[in-house]
Protein backbone atom coordinates (compact mmCIF):
# COMPACT_ATOMS: atom_id res chain seq x y z
CA UNK A 1 -9.07 13.64 -37.11
CA UNK A 2 -9.34 11.29 -40.11
CA UNK A 3 -12.22 8.88 -40.52
CA UNK A 4 -9.75 6.01 -40.28
CA UNK A 5 -8.44 7.32 -36.95
CA UNK A 6 -11.98 7.86 -35.72
CA UNK A 7 -12.90 4.29 -36.60
CA UNK A 8 -9.79 3.00 -34.81
CA UNK A 9 -10.65 5.10 -31.75
CA UNK A 10 -14.15 3.67 -31.70
CA UNK A 11 -12.81 0.13 -31.87
CA UNK A 12 -10.49 0.82 -28.92
CA UNK A 13 -13.35 2.36 -26.93
CA UNK A 14 -15.56 -0.63 -27.68
CA UNK A 15 -12.78 -2.96 -26.57
CA UNK A 16 -12.45 -1.19 -23.24
CA UNK A 17 -16.21 -1.24 -22.75
CA UNK A 18 -16.26 -4.97 -23.41
CA UNK A 19 -13.32 -5.48 -21.06
CA UNK A 20 -15.00 -3.74 -18.13
CA UNK A 21 -18.21 -5.64 -18.83
CA UNK A 22 -16.98 -9.17 -19.61
CA UNK A 23 -13.62 -9.73 -17.89
CA UNK A 24 -15.03 -9.60 -14.31
CA UNK A 25 -17.55 -12.28 -15.27
CA UNK A 26 -14.87 -14.76 -16.39
CA UNK A 27 -12.37 -16.80 -14.33
CA UNK A 28 -9.24 -14.82 -13.49
CA UNK A 29 -6.48 -17.25 -14.46
CA UNK A 30 -7.74 -18.07 -17.98
CA UNK A 31 -8.30 -14.39 -18.79
CA UNK A 32 -4.85 -13.52 -17.40
CA UNK A 33 -3.39 -16.15 -19.74
CA UNK A 34 -5.22 -14.59 -22.68
CA UNK A 35 -3.75 -11.17 -21.88
CA UNK A 36 -0.24 -12.68 -21.64
CA UNK A 37 -0.77 -14.33 -25.01
CA UNK A 38 -1.88 -11.02 -26.51
CA UNK A 39 1.15 -9.27 -25.00
CA UNK A 40 3.48 -11.84 -26.56
CA UNK A 41 1.79 -11.43 -29.94
CA UNK A 42 2.17 -7.65 -29.84
CA UNK A 43 5.79 -7.96 -28.74
CA UNK A 44 6.61 -10.44 -31.52
CA UNK A 45 5.26 -8.09 -34.19
CA UNK A 46 7.94 -5.51 -33.27
CA UNK A 47 5.69 -2.49 -33.75
CA UNK A 48 6.57 1.11 -32.99
CA UNK A 49 5.51 0.98 -29.33
CA UNK A 50 7.52 -2.17 -28.67
CA UNK A 51 10.62 -0.75 -30.34
CA UNK A 52 10.29 2.49 -28.37
CA UNK A 53 9.86 0.59 -25.11
CA UNK A 54 13.02 -1.42 -25.80
CA UNK A 55 14.92 1.71 -26.81
CA UNK A 56 13.98 3.28 -23.46
CA UNK A 57 14.90 0.09 -21.59
CA UNK A 58 18.26 0.00 -23.35
CA UNK A 59 19.01 3.48 -22.00
CA UNK A 60 17.89 2.44 -18.52
CA UNK A 61 19.99 -0.72 -18.45
CA UNK A 62 22.97 0.48 -20.47
CA UNK A 63 22.62 -2.57 -22.74
CA UNK A 64 22.57 -2.61 -26.53
CA UNK A 65 19.05 -2.15 -27.87
CA UNK A 66 19.43 -5.25 -30.09
CA UNK A 67 20.73 -7.45 -27.28
CA UNK A 68 18.86 -10.58 -26.20
CA UNK A 69 18.59 -9.16 -22.69
CA UNK A 70 16.77 -6.03 -23.84
CA UNK A 71 14.49 -8.08 -26.10
CA UNK A 72 13.52 -10.32 -23.19
CA UNK A 73 13.05 -7.30 -20.95
CA UNK A 74 10.80 -5.78 -23.61
CA UNK A 75 8.73 -8.96 -23.69
CA UNK A 76 8.39 -8.88 -19.91
CA UNK A 77 7.49 -5.20 -20.14
CA UNK A 78 4.66 -5.90 -22.59
CA UNK A 79 3.35 -8.64 -20.33
CA UNK A 80 3.39 -6.20 -17.41
CA UNK A 81 1.57 -3.61 -19.52
CA UNK A 82 -1.14 -6.03 -20.64
CA UNK A 83 -1.45 -7.28 -17.07
CA UNK A 84 -2.31 -3.71 -16.10
CA UNK A 85 -5.29 -3.73 -18.46
CA UNK A 86 -6.46 -7.15 -17.29
CA UNK A 87 -6.35 -5.92 -13.72
CA UNK A 88 -8.16 -2.62 -14.29
CA UNK A 89 -11.03 -4.50 -15.91
CA UNK A 90 -11.31 -6.57 -12.72
CA UNK A 91 -10.67 -3.82 -10.15
CA UNK A 92 -14.25 -2.46 -9.96
CA UNK A 93 -15.52 -5.90 -8.93
CA UNK A 94 -12.76 -6.58 -6.41
CA UNK A 95 -13.42 -6.08 -2.72
CA UNK A 96 -11.42 -3.38 -0.98
CA UNK A 97 -10.19 -5.92 1.57
CA UNK A 98 -8.60 -8.00 -1.19
CA UNK A 99 -6.93 -4.99 -2.81
CA UNK A 100 -5.46 -3.91 0.53
CA UNK A 101 -4.39 -7.45 1.45
CA UNK A 102 -2.59 -8.02 -1.84
CA UNK A 103 -0.79 -4.66 -1.74
CA UNK A 104 2.68 -5.02 -0.23
CA UNK A 105 3.52 -1.50 0.87
CA UNK A 106 6.79 -0.04 2.11
CA UNK A 107 6.62 3.43 3.65
CA UNK A 108 2.86 3.78 4.13
CA UNK A 109 3.62 5.62 7.36
CA UNK A 110 4.89 8.60 5.36
CA UNK A 111 1.33 9.17 4.14
CA UNK A 112 -0.42 8.30 7.38
CA UNK A 113 1.67 10.50 9.67
CA UNK A 114 1.50 13.58 7.46
CA UNK A 115 -2.25 13.33 6.95
CA UNK A 116 -2.79 12.69 10.67
CA UNK A 117 -0.85 15.89 11.39
CA UNK A 118 -3.11 17.85 9.02
CA UNK A 119 -0.43 18.25 6.38
CA UNK A 120 -1.17 17.70 2.71
CA UNK A 121 0.61 15.01 0.70
CA UNK A 122 1.63 14.91 -2.97
CA UNK A 123 2.39 11.38 -4.15
CA UNK A 124 4.45 11.49 -7.36
CA UNK A 125 4.88 8.35 -9.41
CA UNK A 126 6.29 7.16 -12.72
CA UNK A 127 4.21 5.12 -15.17
CA UNK A 128 4.93 1.80 -13.48
CA UNK A 129 3.04 -1.26 -12.33
CA UNK A 130 -0.65 -0.63 -11.76
CA UNK A 131 -1.25 2.97 -10.70
CA UNK A 132 -5.02 2.47 -10.55
CA UNK A 133 -4.60 -0.43 -8.14
CA UNK A 134 -2.27 1.71 -6.04
CA UNK A 135 -4.94 4.41 -6.01
CA UNK A 136 -7.55 1.87 -4.95
CA UNK A 137 -5.24 0.79 -2.10
CA UNK A 138 -4.77 4.40 -1.01
CA UNK A 139 -8.52 4.99 -0.92
CA UNK A 140 -8.99 1.65 0.82
CA UNK A 141 -6.71 2.65 3.71
CA UNK A 142 -8.59 5.90 4.23
CA UNK A 143 -7.00 8.47 1.92
CA UNK A 144 -9.23 9.54 -1.00
CA UNK A 145 -7.29 11.78 -3.33
CA UNK A 146 -7.33 14.04 -6.36
CA UNK A 147 -5.46 13.34 -9.59
CA UNK A 148 -5.16 14.62 -13.14
CA UNK A 149 -5.90 12.41 -16.16
CA UNK A 150 -4.65 12.76 -19.71
CA UNK A 151 -7.54 13.29 -22.11
CA UNK A 152 -7.94 10.16 -24.21
CA UNK A 153 -9.57 9.69 -27.60
CA UNK A 154 -12.41 9.24 -28.22
CA UNK A 155 -14.25 11.25 -25.61
CA UNK A 156 -16.36 8.22 -24.70
CA UNK A 157 -13.23 6.33 -23.64
CA UNK A 158 -12.03 9.27 -21.56
CA UNK A 159 -15.42 9.49 -19.81
CA UNK A 160 -15.39 5.75 -19.15
CA UNK A 161 -11.89 5.97 -17.66
CA UNK A 162 -12.95 8.87 -15.47
CA UNK A 163 -16.04 6.95 -14.31
CA UNK A 164 -13.84 3.91 -13.55
CA UNK A 165 -11.46 5.96 -11.42
CA UNK A 166 -14.21 7.90 -9.70
CA UNK A 167 -15.81 4.56 -8.91
CA UNK A 168 -12.61 3.62 -7.06
CA UNK A 169 -12.90 6.81 -4.98
CA UNK A 170 -10.65 9.22 -6.87
CA UNK A 171 -11.36 12.84 -7.78
CA UNK A 172 -10.30 13.14 -11.43
CA UNK A 173 -9.41 16.43 -13.10
CA UNK A 174 -8.88 16.48 -16.89
CA UNK A 175 -5.42 17.56 -18.04
CA UNK A 176 -7.03 19.56 -20.86
CA UNK A 177 -10.55 20.71 -21.59
CA UNK A 178 -11.45 21.47 -17.97
CA UNK A 179 -11.82 24.80 -16.22
CA UNK A 180 -8.09 25.55 -16.53
CA UNK A 181 -7.61 25.74 -12.76
CA UNK A 182 -6.13 22.33 -12.03
CA UNK A 183 -3.13 23.63 -10.12
CA UNK A 184 -5.31 25.86 -7.96
CA UNK A 185 -7.67 22.98 -7.22
CA UNK A 186 -4.82 20.65 -6.29
CA UNK A 187 -3.20 23.33 -4.14
CA UNK A 188 -6.49 23.81 -2.31
CA UNK A 189 -6.75 20.08 -1.65
CA UNK A 190 -3.29 19.77 -0.08
CA UNK A 191 -3.59 23.04 1.84
CA UNK A 192 -6.63 21.48 3.51
CA UNK A 193 -4.57 18.43 4.45
CA UNK A 194 -5.68 16.24 1.56
CA UNK A 195 -3.79 13.92 -0.76
CA UNK A 196 -2.92 14.40 -4.43
CA UNK A 197 -1.44 11.73 -6.73
CA UNK A 198 0.28 12.72 -9.96
CA UNK A 199 2.29 10.96 -12.70
CA UNK A 200 5.62 12.74 -12.71
CA UNK A 201 8.26 11.42 -15.12
CA UNK A 202 6.81 12.49 -18.49
CA UNK A 203 5.89 16.08 -19.27
CA UNK A 204 2.69 16.45 -21.32
CA UNK A 205 2.32 20.24 -21.05
CA UNK A 206 5.53 21.53 -22.72
CA UNK A 207 6.20 23.57 -19.58
CA UNK A 208 8.14 20.95 -17.67
CA UNK A 209 11.36 21.17 -15.68
CA UNK A 210 14.56 19.88 -17.26
CA UNK A 211 16.38 17.18 -15.28
CA UNK A 212 19.11 14.61 -15.80
CA UNK A 213 17.60 11.14 -16.02
CA UNK A 214 19.67 8.04 -16.75
CA UNK A 215 22.50 10.23 -17.98
CA UNK A 216 20.57 12.41 -20.42
CA UNK A 217 18.24 15.40 -20.33
CA UNK A 218 14.47 15.13 -20.19
CA UNK A 219 11.62 17.20 -18.82
CA UNK A 220 9.34 16.24 -15.96
CA UNK A 221 6.04 17.86 -14.97
CA UNK A 222 6.42 21.02 -12.89
CA UNK A 223 3.23 20.33 -10.93
CA UNK A 224 4.45 17.98 -8.16
CA UNK A 225 7.59 19.96 -7.20
CA UNK A 226 5.74 23.27 -7.54
CA UNK A 227 2.96 22.07 -5.21
CA UNK A 228 5.57 21.16 -2.61
CA UNK A 229 7.36 24.51 -2.94
CA UNK A 230 4.19 26.63 -3.00
CA UNK A 231 2.05 24.86 -0.40
CA UNK A 232 4.49 23.11 1.93
CA UNK A 233 2.88 19.74 1.20
CA UNK A 234 4.99 16.62 1.69
CA UNK A 235 6.21 15.38 -1.71
CA UNK A 236 6.54 11.59 -1.58
CA UNK A 237 7.89 9.59 -4.55
CA UNK A 238 6.13 6.24 -5.05
CA UNK A 239 7.49 3.29 -7.03
CA UNK A 240 4.98 0.67 -8.22
CA UNK A 241 5.80 -2.87 -9.32
CA UNK A 242 4.38 -6.38 -9.47
CA UNK A 243 5.04 -8.97 -6.77
CA UNK A 244 3.95 -12.33 -8.13
CA UNK A 245 0.18 -12.05 -8.54
CA UNK A 246 0.16 -9.17 -6.04
CA UNK A 247 1.40 -5.58 -6.13
CA UNK A 248 4.29 -3.70 -4.56
CA UNK A 249 4.23 -0.03 -3.57
CA UNK A 250 7.33 1.69 -2.21
CA UNK A 251 6.55 5.14 -0.81
CA UNK A 252 9.83 6.93 -0.27
CA UNK A 253 10.67 9.56 2.30
CA UNK A 254 9.72 13.16 1.63
CA UNK A 255 11.72 15.14 -0.93
CA UNK A 256 13.06 18.12 0.98
CA UNK A 257 12.53 21.61 -0.43
CA UNK A 258 15.73 23.70 -0.26
CA UNK A 259 15.57 26.51 2.27
CA UNK A 260 17.38 28.95 -0.01
CA UNK A 261 17.08 30.02 -3.63
CA UNK A 262 14.41 31.42 -5.89
CA UNK A 263 11.15 29.56 -6.47
CA UNK A 264 12.46 28.42 -9.85
CA UNK A 265 15.68 27.13 -8.31
CA UNK A 266 13.79 25.29 -5.58
CA UNK A 267 11.44 23.67 -8.10
CA UNK A 268 14.40 22.59 -10.24
CA UNK A 269 16.20 21.07 -7.25
CA UNK A 270 13.10 19.20 -6.08
CA UNK A 271 12.41 17.94 -9.61
CA UNK A 272 15.95 16.58 -9.89
CA UNK A 273 15.69 14.84 -6.50
CA UNK A 274 12.41 13.29 -7.62
CA UNK A 275 13.99 12.09 -10.88
CA UNK A 276 16.85 10.53 -8.90
CA UNK A 277 14.40 8.43 -6.85
CA UNK A 278 12.52 7.40 -10.00
CA UNK A 279 15.79 6.41 -11.64
CA UNK A 280 16.62 4.05 -8.78
CA UNK A 281 13.12 2.54 -8.71
CA UNK A 282 12.96 2.00 -12.46
CA UNK A 283 16.43 0.43 -12.40
CA UNK A 284 15.20 -2.05 -9.79
CA UNK A 285 11.99 -2.90 -11.67
CA UNK A 286 12.56 -2.05 -15.37
CA UNK A 287 10.08 -4.67 -16.61
CA UNK A 288 7.25 -2.77 -14.87
CA UNK A 289 8.03 0.63 -16.42
CA UNK A 290 5.45 1.21 -19.16
CA UNK A 291 7.19 3.96 -21.13
CA UNK A 292 6.36 3.50 -24.81
CA UNK A 293 6.82 7.12 -25.84
CA UNK A 294 9.88 9.22 -26.58
CA UNK A 295 11.05 10.69 -23.31
CA UNK A 296 14.55 12.14 -23.62
CA UNK A 297 15.08 15.49 -25.32
CA UNK A 298 17.57 14.11 -27.81
CA UNK A 299 14.97 11.51 -28.90
CA UNK A 300 12.24 14.16 -29.19
CA UNK A 301 14.50 16.19 -31.50
CA UNK A 302 14.74 13.37 -34.04
């Protein structure tokens, strides 16, 4: 890592530390306005992340990447993304009752009934809305869970993020740099009737499952479908989005595991079914999909 990158990482870490310290002490509406202003400034500068977001949104909507509609959608997407950060800085100081009250949930019964029956649940979600708020809601209604977190730079920022999520009641396993037994740990949790939540539309391990997604090939993480196939846990796709100043969570019905075929074929079929649900949810709420990285295989090859 270069010294310049290290300095940039330290600035980012310091910014997050200040956010978690200062934002909860300030009035909510003025700070929300500041984050919207910052989002608009970043969007107007047309940097790499903004251009990638709009390229992804163009594929999702079928519109030209240079169209006014995609530009406006990109602006709304940046506002949604910056809103996420404003909200996570405030989450540790929010009361559980408020988080639960402001969460408008469709399909919560799919979690409750499976857990009540002693069956494990795997909630799989794309990078949408506020996944930390959704996790806080899940804990708040009685379902603490395990998840896996991408290792951020610098290490101090990663540790702070882990502490933040553990403070909300999550068990956090590092994607890399841990004991190397994440899948076994997650399988143990669901076999005991617990809940696991995993991001599931972007493969970070280079061992993902290829699916068709918005008309082109990409790879999704193998973990969620493999847990369902191996353990018999209920795999539930969840779509997250903003509802005014509140949050929406749509927990879909269980993805069925085929009764026939090899393990690889079953995993592939489940992964495709999961991608199909994500495709519908992202199409309905594209402004809340925070995908600022290359996702499709043809884009990765460039």
